[in-house]
PDB file of all heavy atoms in Angstrom:
ATOM      1  N   ALA A   1      -5.025   0.046   5.103  1.00  0.00           N
ATOM      2  CA  ALA A   1      -4.810   1.469   4.865  1.00  0.00           C
ATOM      3  C   ALA A   1      -4.389   1.645   3.368  1.00  0.00           C
ATOM      4  O   ALA A   1      -4.971   2.554   2.613  1.00  0.00           O
ATOM      5  CB  ALA A   1      -3.765   2.016   5.774  1.00  0.00           C
ATOM      6  N   VAL A   2      -3.452   0.911   2.945  1.00  0.00           N
ATOM      7  CA  VAL A   2      -2.909   1.001   1.543  1.00  0.00           C
ATOM      8  C   VAL A   2      -3.956   0.588   0.524  1.00  0.00           C
ATOM      9  O   VAL A   2      -4.250   1.346  -0.457  1.00  0.00           O
ATOM     10  CB  VAL A   2      -1.662   0.093   1.354  1.00  0.00           C
ATOM     11  CG1 VAL A   2      -1.298  -0.022  -0.112  1.00  0.00           C
ATOM     12  CG2 VAL A   2      -0.504   0.671   2.129  1.00  0.00           C
ATOM     13  N   SER A   3      -4.691  -0.446   0.819  1.00  0.00           N
ATOM     14  CA  SER A   3      -5.717  -0.922  -0.091  1.00  0.00           C
ATOM     15  C   SER A   3      -6.842   0.100  -0.249  1.00  0.00           C
ATOM     16  O   SER A   3      -7.249   0.419  -1.337  1.00  0.00           O
ATOM     17  CB  SER A   3      -6.281  -2.291   0.322  1.00  0.00           C
ATOM     18  OG  SER A   3      -7.276  -2.673  -0.567  1.00  0.00           O
ATOM     19  N   TYR A   4      -7.260   0.606   0.946  1.00  0.00           N
ATOM     20  CA  TYR A   4      -8.359   1.631   0.935  1.00  0.00           C
ATOM     21  C   TYR A   4      -7.932   2.844   0.154  1.00  0.00           C
ATOM     22  O   TYR A   4      -8.687   3.431  -0.651  1.00  0.00           O
ATOM     23  CB  TYR A   4      -8.794   1.954   2.333  1.00  0.00           C
ATOM     24  CG  TYR A   4      -9.853   2.983   2.393  1.00  0.00           C
ATOM     25  CD1 TYR A   4     -11.151   2.696   2.034  1.00  0.00           C
ATOM     26  CD2 TYR A   4      -9.564   4.292   2.847  1.00  0.00           C
ATOM     27  CE1 TYR A   4     -12.134   3.663   2.087  1.00  0.00           C
ATOM     28  CE2 TYR A   4     -10.511   5.253   2.870  1.00  0.00           C
ATOM     29  CZ  TYR A   4     -11.783   4.968   2.453  1.00  0.00           C
ATOM     30  OH  TYR A   4     -12.765   5.959   2.529  1.00  0.00           O
ATOM     31  N   ALA A   5      -6.747   3.364   0.495  1.00  0.00           N
ATOM     32  CA  ALA A   5      -6.337   4.663  -0.120  1.00  0.00           C
ATOM     33  C   ALA A   5      -6.213   4.487  -1.655  1.00  0.00           C
ATOM     34  O   ALA A   5      -6.702   5.364  -2.408  1.00  0.00           O
ATOM     35  CB  ALA A   5      -4.837   4.973   0.362  1.00  0.00           C
ATOM     36  N   LEU A   6      -5.741   3.370  -2.140  1.00  0.00           N
ATOM     37  CA  LEU A   6      -5.697   3.171  -3.574  1.00  0.00           C
ATOM     38  C   LEU A   6      -7.085   3.021  -4.205  1.00  0.00           C
ATOM     39  O   LEU A   6      -7.313   3.542  -5.304  1.00  0.00           O
ATOM     40  CB  LEU A   6      -4.840   1.937  -3.872  1.00  0.00           C
ATOM     41  CG  LEU A   6      -3.332   1.998  -3.490  1.00  0.00           C
ATOM     42  CD1 LEU A   6      -2.614   0.693  -3.772  1.00  0.00           C
ATOM     43  CD2 LEU A   6      -2.675   3.140  -4.231  1.00  0.00           C
ATOM     44  N   GLN A   7      -7.922   2.335  -3.489  1.00  0.00           N
ATOM     45  CA  GLN A   7      -9.331   2.179  -4.051  1.00  0.00           C
ATOM     46  C   GLN A   7     -10.050   3.534  -4.103  1.00  0.00           C
ATOM     47  O   GLN A   7     -10.904   3.695  -5.003  1.00  0.00           O
ATOM     48  CB  GLN A   7     -10.095   1.222  -3.098  1.00  0.00           C
ATOM     49  CG  GLN A   7      -9.689  -0.236  -3.286  1.00  0.00           C
ATOM     50  CD  GLN A   7     -10.268  -1.113  -2.239  1.00  0.00           C
ATOM     51  OE1 GLN A   7     -11.154  -0.749  -1.388  1.00  0.00           O
ATOM     52  NE2 GLN A   7      -9.816  -2.370  -2.201  1.00  0.00           N
ATOM     53  N   ILE A   8      -9.747   4.483  -3.250  1.00  0.00           N
ATOM     54  CA  ILE A   8     -10.454   5.803  -3.362  1.00  0.00           C
ATOM     55  C   ILE A   8      -9.724   6.835  -4.253  1.00  0.00           C
ATOM     56  O   ILE A   8     -10.193   7.969  -4.282  1.00  0.00           O
ATOM     57  CB  ILE A   8     -10.756   6.422  -1.965  1.00  0.00           C
ATOM     58  CG1 ILE A   8      -9.474   6.784  -1.232  1.00  0.00           C
ATOM     59  CG2 ILE A   8     -11.578   5.426  -1.131  1.00  0.00           C
ATOM     60  CD1 ILE A   8      -9.689   7.616   0.004  1.00  0.00           C
ATOM     61  N   GLY A   9      -8.640   6.410  -4.830  1.00  0.00           N
ATOM     62  CA  GLY A   9      -7.992   7.236  -5.767  1.00  0.00           C
ATOM     63  C   GLY A   9      -6.548   7.619  -5.568  1.00  0.00           C
ATOM     64  O   GLY A   9      -5.877   8.220  -6.496  1.00  0.00           O
ATOM     65  N   TYR A  10      -6.020   7.382  -4.382  1.00  0.00           N
ATOM     66  CA  TYR A  10      -4.558   7.602  -4.188  1.00  0.00           C
ATOM     67  C   TYR A  10      -3.752   6.677  -5.149  1.00  0.00           C
ATOM     68  O   TYR A  10      -4.233   5.626  -5.505  1.00  0.00           O
ATOM     69  CB  TYR A  10      -4.070   7.185  -2.764  1.00  0.00           C
ATOM     70  CG  TYR A  10      -4.452   8.167  -1.626  1.00  0.00           C
ATOM     71  CD1 TYR A  10      -5.787   8.240  -1.182  1.00  0.00           C
ATOM     72  CD2 TYR A  10      -3.446   8.962  -1.033  1.00  0.00           C
ATOM     73  CE1 TYR A  10      -6.060   9.102  -0.146  1.00  0.00           C
ATOM     74  CE2 TYR A  10      -3.761   9.760  -0.006  1.00  0.00           C
ATOM     75  CZ  TYR A  10      -5.063   9.914   0.438  1.00  0.00           C
ATOM     76  OH  TYR A  10      -5.388  10.723   1.505  1.00  0.00           O
ATOM     77  N   ARG A  11      -2.573   7.213  -5.606  1.00  0.00           N
ATOM     78  CA  ARG A  11      -1.781   6.376  -6.490  1.00  0.00           C
ATOM     79  C   ARG A  11      -0.280   6.330  -6.002  1.00  0.00           C
ATOM     80  O   ARG A  11       0.517   5.688  -6.659  1.00  0.00           O
ATOM     81  CB  ARG A  11      -1.825   6.943  -7.911  1.00  0.00           C
ATOM     82  CG  ARG A  11      -3.157   6.681  -8.587  1.00  0.00           C
ATOM     83  CD  ARG A  11      -3.516   5.228  -8.690  1.00  0.00           C
ATOM     84  NE  ARG A  11      -4.757   4.947  -9.353  1.00  0.00           N
ATOM     85  CZ  ARG A  11      -5.841   4.653  -8.641  1.00  0.00           C
ATOM     86  NH1 ARG A  11      -5.787   4.574  -7.303  1.00  0.00           N
ATOM     87  NH2 ARG A  11      -7.033   4.363  -9.233  1.00  0.00           N
ATOM     88  N   HIS A  12       0.012   7.024  -4.916  1.00  0.00           N
ATOM     89  CA  HIS A  12       1.386   7.131  -4.428  1.00  0.00           C
ATOM     90  C   HIS A  12       1.434   6.578  -3.007  1.00  0.00           C
ATOM     91  O   HIS A  12       0.745   7.002  -2.114  1.00  0.00           O
ATOM     92  CB  HIS A  12       1.686   8.617  -4.489  1.00  0.00           C
ATOM     93  CG  HIS A  12       3.091   9.006  -3.921  1.00  0.00           C
ATOM     94  ND1 HIS A  12       3.498  10.288  -4.063  1.00  0.00           N
ATOM     95  CD2 HIS A  12       4.062   8.274  -3.321  1.00  0.00           C
ATOM     96  CE1 HIS A  12       4.713  10.379  -3.509  1.00  0.00           C
ATOM     97  NE2 HIS A  12       5.034   9.135  -3.040  1.00  0.00           N
ATOM     98  N   ILE A  13       2.272   5.562  -2.804  1.00  0.00           N
ATOM     99  CA  ILE A  13       2.406   4.912  -1.507  1.00  0.00           C
ATOM    100  C   ILE A  13       3.920   4.999  -1.135  1.00  0.00           C
ATOM    101  O   ILE A  13       4.739   4.653  -1.839  1.00  0.00           O
ATOM    102  CB  ILE A  13       2.023   3.470  -1.514  1.00  0.00           C
ATOM    103  CG1 ILE A  13       0.550   3.325  -1.957  1.00  0.00           C
ATOM    104  CG2 ILE A  13       2.170   2.811  -0.135  1.00  0.00           C
ATOM    105  CD1 ILE A  13      -0.486   3.921  -1.090  1.00  0.00           C
ATOM    106  N   ASP A  14       4.201   5.514   0.147  1.00  0.00           N
ATOM    107  CA  ASP A  14       5.584   5.686   0.548  1.00  0.00           C
ATOM    108  C   ASP A  14       5.844   4.837   1.740  1.00  0.00           C
ATOM    109  O   ASP A  14       5.103   4.826   2.759  1.00  0.00           O
ATOM    110  CB  ASP A  14       5.792   7.142   1.022  1.00  0.00           C
ATOM    111  CG  ASP A  14       7.098   7.399   1.453  1.00  0.00           C
ATOM    112  OD1 ASP A  14       7.462   7.181   2.673  1.00  0.00           O
ATOM    113  OD2 ASP A  14       8.004   7.880   0.634  1.00  0.00           O
ATOM    114  N   THR A  15       6.920   4.048   1.608  1.00  0.00           N
ATOM    115  CA  THR A  15       7.347   3.167   2.781  1.00  0.00           C
ATOM    116  C   THR A  15       8.850   3.231   2.812  1.00  0.00           C
ATOM    117  O   THR A  15       9.496   3.996   2.126  1.00  0.00           O
ATOM    118  CB  THR A  15       6.883   1.675   2.572  1.00  0.00           C
ATOM    119  OG1 THR A  15       7.220   0.979   3.789  1.00  0.00           O
ATOM    120  CG2 THR A  15       7.414   0.999   1.344  1.00  0.00           C
ATOM    121  N   ALA A  16       9.477   2.371   3.703  1.00  0.00           N
ATOM    122  CA  ALA A  16      10.927   2.347   3.823  1.00  0.00           C
ATOM    123  C   ALA A  16      11.272   1.001   4.532  1.00  0.00           C
ATOM    124  O   ALA A  16      10.475   0.449   5.278  1.00  0.00           O
ATOM    125  CB  ALA A  16      11.457   3.506   4.650  1.00  0.00           C
ATOM    126  N   SER A  17      12.504   0.540   4.233  1.00  0.00           N
ATOM    127  CA  SER A  17      12.851  -0.737   4.833  1.00  0.00           C
ATOM    128  C   SER A  17      12.829  -0.700   6.306  1.00  0.00           C
ATOM    129  O   SER A  17      12.354  -1.610   7.029  1.00  0.00           O
ATOM    130  CB  SER A  17      14.204  -1.233   4.369  1.00  0.00           C
ATOM    131  OG  SER A  17      15.233  -0.252   4.691  1.00  0.00           O
ATOM    132  N   VAL A  18      13.203   0.431   6.914  1.00  0.00           N
ATOM    133  CA  VAL A  18      13.269   0.542   8.363  1.00  0.00           C
ATOM    134  C   VAL A  18      11.876   0.559   8.993  1.00  0.00           C
ATOM    135  O   VAL A  18      11.699   0.283  10.193  1.00  0.00           O
ATOM    136  CB  VAL A  18      14.139   1.797   8.759  1.00  0.00           C
ATOM    137  CG1 VAL A  18      13.332   3.069   8.643  1.00  0.00           C
ATOM    138  CG2 VAL A  18      14.607   1.623  10.233  1.00  0.00           C
ATOM    139  N   TYR A  19      10.860   0.952   8.220  1.00  0.00           N
ATOM    140  CA  TYR A  19       9.499   0.947   8.741  1.00  0.00           C
ATOM    141  C   TYR A  19       9.013  -0.469   9.144  1.00  0.00           C
ATOM    142  O   TYR A  19       8.062  -0.631   9.879  1.00  0.00           O
ATOM    143  CB  TYR A  19       8.438   1.497   7.768  1.00  0.00           C
ATOM    144  CG  TYR A  19       8.680   2.975   7.384  1.00  0.00           C
ATOM    145  CD1 TYR A  19       7.977   3.519   6.377  1.00  0.00           C
ATOM    146  CD2 TYR A  19       9.679   3.738   8.029  1.00  0.00           C
ATOM    147  CE1 TYR A  19       8.155   4.803   6.025  1.00  0.00           C
ATOM    148  CE2 TYR A  19       9.899   5.016   7.665  1.00  0.00           C
ATOM    149  CZ  TYR A  19       9.161   5.620   6.627  1.00  0.00           C
ATOM    150  OH  TYR A  19       9.289   6.908   6.274  1.00  0.00           O
ATOM    151  N   GLY A  20       9.653  -1.507   8.482  1.00  0.00           N
ATOM    152  CA  GLY A  20       9.300  -2.900   8.800  1.00  0.00           C
ATOM    153  C   GLY A  20       7.933  -3.309   8.352  1.00  0.00           C
ATOM    154  O   GLY A  20       7.325  -4.256   8.834  1.00  0.00           O
ATOM    155  N   ASN A  21       7.396  -2.542   7.320  1.00  0.00           N
ATOM    156  CA  ASN A  21       6.031  -2.981   6.843  1.00  0.00           C
ATOM    157  C   ASN A  21       5.899  -3.108   5.440  1.00  0.00           C
ATOM    158  O   ASN A  21       4.823  -3.012   4.764  1.00  0.00           O
ATOM    159  CB  ASN A  21       5.010  -1.858   7.343  1.00  0.00           C
ATOM    160  CG  ASN A  21       5.347  -0.449   6.816  1.00  0.00           C
ATOM    161  OD1 ASN A  21       6.095  -0.294   5.907  1.00  0.00           O
ATOM    162  ND2 ASN A  21       4.784   0.528   7.435  1.00  0.00           N
ATOM    163  N   GLU A  22       7.054  -3.337   4.689  1.00  0.00           N
ATOM    164  CA  GLU A  22       7.045  -3.449   3.185  1.00  0.00           C
ATOM    165  C   GLU A  22       6.152  -4.588   2.800  1.00  0.00           C
ATOM    166  O   GLU A  22       5.447  -4.546   1.741  1.00  0.00           O
ATOM    167  CB  GLU A  22       8.423  -3.637   2.692  1.00  0.00           C
ATOM    168  CG  GLU A  22       9.257  -2.332   2.741  1.00  0.00           C
ATOM    169  CD  GLU A  22      10.674  -2.515   2.383  1.00  0.00           C
ATOM    170  OE1 GLU A  22      11.351  -3.472   2.781  1.00  0.00           O
ATOM    171  OE2 GLU A  22      11.152  -1.689   1.533  1.00  0.00           O
ATOM    172  N   GLU A  23       6.146  -5.713   3.578  1.00  0.00           N
ATOM    173  CA  GLU A  23       5.314  -6.892   3.194  1.00  0.00           C
ATOM    174  C   GLU A  23       3.864  -6.470   3.277  1.00  0.00           C
ATOM    175  O   GLU A  23       3.071  -6.760   2.247  1.00  0.00           O
ATOM    176  CB  GLU A  23       5.503  -8.081   4.182  1.00  0.00           C
ATOM    177  CG  GLU A  23       6.870  -8.648   4.135  1.00  0.00           C
ATOM    178  CD  GLU A  23       7.814  -8.087   5.202  1.00  0.00           C
ATOM    179  OE1 GLU A  23       7.553  -6.996   5.674  1.00  0.00           O
ATOM    180  OE2 GLU A  23       8.829  -8.767   5.477  1.00  0.00           O
ATOM    181  N   GLY A  24       3.488  -5.773   4.298  1.00  0.00           N
ATOM    182  CA  GLY A  24       2.041  -5.347   4.382  1.00  0.00           C
ATOM    183  C   GLY A  24       1.701  -4.347   3.275  1.00  0.00           C
ATOM    184  O   GLY A  24       0.559  -4.433   2.767  1.00  0.00           O
ATOM    185  N   VAL A  25       2.560  -3.437   2.910  1.00  0.00           N
ATOM    186  CA  VAL A  25       2.349  -2.484   1.864  1.00  0.00           C
ATOM    187  C   VAL A  25       2.096  -3.293   0.514  1.00  0.00           C
ATOM    188  O   VAL A  25       1.182  -2.950  -0.176  1.00  0.00           O
ATOM    189  CB  VAL A  25       3.500  -1.421   1.704  1.00  0.00           C
ATOM    190  CG1 VAL A  25       3.411  -0.672   0.409  1.00  0.00           C
ATOM    191  CG2 VAL A  25       3.530  -0.552   2.937  1.00  0.00           C
ATOM    192  N   GLY A  26       2.982  -4.221   0.312  1.00  0.00           N
ATOM    193  CA  GLY A  26       2.801  -5.020  -0.896  1.00  0.00           C
ATOM    194  C   GLY A  26       1.522  -5.803  -0.973  1.00  0.00           C
ATOM    195  O   GLY A  26       0.889  -5.834  -2.046  1.00  0.00           O
ATOM    196  N   LYS A  27       1.065  -6.280   0.174  1.00  0.00           N
ATOM    197  CA  LYS A  27      -0.193  -6.969   0.183  1.00  0.00           C
ATOM    198  C   LYS A  27      -1.360  -6.012  -0.073  1.00  0.00           C
ATOM    199  O   LYS A  27      -2.330  -6.328  -0.762  1.00  0.00           O
ATOM    200  CB  LYS A  27      -0.453  -7.696   1.554  1.00  0.00           C
ATOM    201  CG  LYS A  27       0.499  -8.879   1.741  1.00  0.00           C
ATOM    202  CD  LYS A  27       0.330  -9.449   3.181  1.00  0.00           C
ATOM    203  CE  LYS A  27       1.267 -10.600   3.386  1.00  0.00           C
ATOM    204  NZ  LYS A  27       1.217 -11.063   4.860  1.00  0.00           N
ATOM    205  N   GLY A  28      -1.238  -4.846   0.480  1.00  0.00           N
ATOM    206  CA  GLY A  28      -2.272  -3.793   0.217  1.00  0.00           C
ATOM    207  C   GLY A  28      -2.398  -3.395  -1.206  1.00  0.00           C
ATOM    208  O   GLY A  28      -3.476  -3.260  -1.701  1.00  0.00           O
ATOM    209  N   VAL A  29      -1.192  -3.318  -1.861  1.00  0.00           N
ATOM    210  CA  VAL A  29      -1.212  -3.043  -3.270  1.00  0.00           C
ATOM    211  C   VAL A  29      -2.002  -4.082  -4.100  1.00  0.00           C
ATOM    212  O   VAL A  29      -2.842  -3.799  -4.929  1.00  0.00           O
ATOM    213  CB  VAL A  29       0.209  -2.927  -3.792  1.00  0.00           C
ATOM    214  CG1 VAL A  29       0.278  -2.959  -5.381  1.00  0.00           C
ATOM    215  CG2 VAL A  29       0.921  -1.687  -3.284  1.00  0.00           C
ATOM    216  N   VAL A  30      -1.734  -5.359  -3.722  1.00  0.00           N
ATOM    217  CA  VAL A  30      -2.371  -6.474  -4.454  1.00  0.00           C
ATOM    218  C   VAL A  30      -3.886  -6.442  -4.130  1.00  0.00           C
ATOM    219  O   VAL A  30      -4.744  -6.575  -5.058  1.00  0.00           O
ATOM    220  CB  VAL A  30      -1.796  -7.836  -3.952  1.00  0.00           C
ATOM    221  CG1 VAL A  30      -2.649  -9.027  -4.508  1.00  0.00           C
ATOM    222  CG2 VAL A  30      -0.378  -7.988  -4.527  1.00  0.00           C
ATOM    223  N   GLU A  31      -4.238  -6.226  -2.861  1.00  0.00           N
ATOM    224  CA  GLU A  31      -5.647  -6.244  -2.473  1.00  0.00           C
ATOM    225  C   GLU A  31      -6.466  -5.131  -3.001  1.00  0.00           C
ATOM    226  O   GLU A  31      -7.646  -5.169  -3.256  1.00  0.00           O
ATOM    227  CB  GLU A  31      -5.775  -6.233  -0.965  1.00  0.00           C
ATOM    228  CG  GLU A  31      -5.340  -7.542  -0.319  1.00  0.00           C
ATOM    229  CD  GLU A  31      -5.853  -7.602   1.161  1.00  0.00           C
ATOM    230  OE1 GLU A  31      -6.517  -6.760   1.666  1.00  0.00           O
ATOM    231  OE2 GLU A  31      -5.416  -8.640   1.816  1.00  0.00           O
ATOM    232  N   SER A  32      -5.735  -3.998  -3.421  1.00  0.00           N
ATOM    233  CA  SER A  32      -6.446  -2.864  -4.005  1.00  0.00           C
ATOM    234  C   SER A  32      -7.081  -3.156  -5.332  1.00  0.00           C
ATOM    235  O   SER A  32      -8.076  -2.535  -5.749  1.00  0.00           O
ATOM    236  CB  SER A  32      -5.534  -1.677  -4.094  1.00  0.00           C
ATOM    237  OG  SER A  32      -4.628  -1.771  -5.225  1.00  0.00           O
ATOM    238  N   GLY A  33      -6.421  -4.096  -6.059  1.00  0.00           N
ATOM    239  CA  GLY A  33      -6.893  -4.403  -7.408  1.00  0.00           C
ATOM    240  C   GLY A  33      -6.466  -3.400  -8.473  1.00  0.00           C
ATOM    241  O   GLY A  33      -6.857  -3.532  -9.640  1.00  0.00           O
ATOM    242  N   ILE A  34      -5.668  -2.428  -8.034  1.00  0.00           N
ATOM    243  CA  ILE A  34      -5.172  -1.339  -9.016  1.00  0.00           C
ATOM    244  C   ILE A  34      -4.023  -1.892  -9.785  1.00  0.00           C
ATOM    245  O   ILE A  34      -3.104  -2.467  -9.230  1.00  0.00           O
ATOM    246  CB  ILE A  34      -4.879  -0.039  -8.293  1.00  0.00           C
ATOM    247  CG1 ILE A  34      -6.034   0.438  -7.369  1.00  0.00           C
ATOM    248  CG2 ILE A  34      -4.402   0.947  -9.261  1.00  0.00           C
ATOM    249  CD1 ILE A  34      -7.274   0.779  -8.202  1.00  0.00           C
TER     250      ILE A  34
END
């Protein structure tokens, strides 16, 4: 989701420690190539 959003032009990603998905968000950032 993060990688796709960034690839189509989003630049703002919102997460939180309690969401338990910061690792996945970080991976999506890397995979986006942005």
